[in-house]
Amino acid sequence: MDIQVLTTFFMWCTIINGAIFVSSTTMCILAPGLVYRMQSKLFPIPRETFNVVIYSFLGLFKIVFLVFNVVPYVALLIVG
């Protein structure tokens, strides 16, 4: 594997995971009731607990997205 292949790989990982993150965040902001109703069928938890869990998940996903997708992509762009 050369730097160009790795750069392309991390570029697509960043695009795909960024789209997943943006769509998840948008759903939680624009339709929180719908998201809660869908998830409460699988996991019966109170609404307040659900809010904490979903926003904690989005925060963790953002940190993991930045550390494992964006940072390596930017580093490969700098090196390449």
Protein backbone atom coordinates (compact mmCIF):
# COMPACT_ATOMS: atom_id res chain seq x y z
CA MET A 1 0.00 0.00 0.00
CA ASP A 2 1.25 3.43 -0.84
CA ILE A 3 0.31 6.83 0.56
CA GLN A 4 -2.10 7.57 -2.30
CA VAL A 5 -4.17 4.43 -1.59
CA LEU A 6 -4.28 5.19 2.14
CA THR A 7 -5.25 8.80 1.47
CA THR A 8 -8.10 7.69 -0.78
CA PHE A 9 -9.21 5.11 1.80
CA PHE A 10 -9.32 7.64 4.63
CA MET A 11 -11.01 10.19 2.39
CA TRP A 12 -13.90 7.80 1.72
CA CYS A 13 -14.02 6.71 5.37
CA THR A 14 -14.29 10.37 6.37
CA ILE A 15 -17.03 11.07 3.82
CA ILE A 16 -19.12 8.01 4.70
CA ASN A 17 -18.78 8.32 8.48
CA GLY A 18 -19.35 12.08 8.28
CA ALA A 19 -22.58 11.49 6.38
CA ILE A 20 -23.71 8.94 8.97
CA PHE A 21 -22.89 11.36 11.79
CA VAL A 22 -24.66 14.30 10.16
CA SER A 23 -27.77 12.24 9.35
CA SER A 24 -27.92 10.80 12.90
CA THR A 25 -27.53 14.23 14.45
CA THR A 26 -30.12 15.71 12.11
CA MET A 27 -32.63 12.99 12.99
CA CYS A 28 -32.08 13.52 16.72
CA ILE A 29 -32.50 17.29 16.38
CA LEU A 30 -35.43 17.43 13.94
CA ALA A 31 -37.42 14.36 15.01
CA PRO A 32 -36.51 13.39 18.57
CA GLY A 33 -39.96 11.93 19.24
CA LEU A 34 -39.74 9.62 16.24
CA VAL A 35 -36.27 8.42 17.24
CA TYR A 36 -37.43 7.81 20.81
CA ARG A 37 -40.54 5.87 19.69
CA MET A 38 -38.48 3.67 17.36
CA GLN A 39 -35.84 2.92 19.97
CA SER A 40 -38.23 2.51 22.90
CA LYS A 41 -39.78 -0.47 21.15
CA LEU A 42 -36.43 -2.25 21.47
CA PHE A 43 -35.19 -0.72 24.73
CA PRO A 44 -37.91 0.38 27.15
CA ILE A 45 -36.20 3.23 29.02
CA PRO A 46 -37.51 6.58 30.28
CA ARG A 47 -37.29 9.59 27.97
CA GLU A 48 -34.77 11.44 30.17
CA THR A 49 -32.42 8.44 30.20
CA PHE A 50 -32.80 8.07 26.45
CA ASN A 51 -31.81 11.71 25.92
CA VAL A 52 -28.64 11.24 27.96
CA VAL A 53 -27.76 8.01 26.17
CA ILE A 54 -28.35 9.31 22.63
CA TYR A 55 -26.44 12.56 23.13
CA SER A 56 -23.59 10.70 24.85
CA PHE A 57 -23.47 8.33 21.88
CA LEU A 58 -23.36 11.22 19.42
CA GLY A 59 -20.54 12.85 21.39
CA LEU A 60 -18.54 9.63 21.51
CA PHE A 61 -19.17 9.01 17.81
CA LYS A 62 -17.92 12.52 17.01
CA ILE A 63 -14.71 12.01 18.99
CA VAL A 64 -14.07 8.60 17.40
CA PHE A 65 -14.86 10.03 13.94
CA LEU A 66 -12.38 12.85 14.40
CA VAL A 67 -9.61 10.71 15.87
CA PHE A 68 -9.83 7.69 13.56
CA ASN A 69 -10.99 9.28 10.29
CA VAL A 70 -10.30 12.99 10.00
CA VAL A 71 -6.92 13.17 11.74
CA PRO A 72 -5.30 10.34 9.71
CA TYR A 73 -6.72 11.79 6.49
CA VAL A 74 -5.34 15.25 7.21
CA ALA A 75 -1.99 13.77 8.27
CA LEU A 76 -1.74 11.81 5.01
CA LEU A 77 -2.62 14.93 3.04
CA ILE A 78 0.18 16.81 4.80
CA VAL A 79 2.72 14.02 4.26
CA GLY A 80 1.67 13.29 0.66
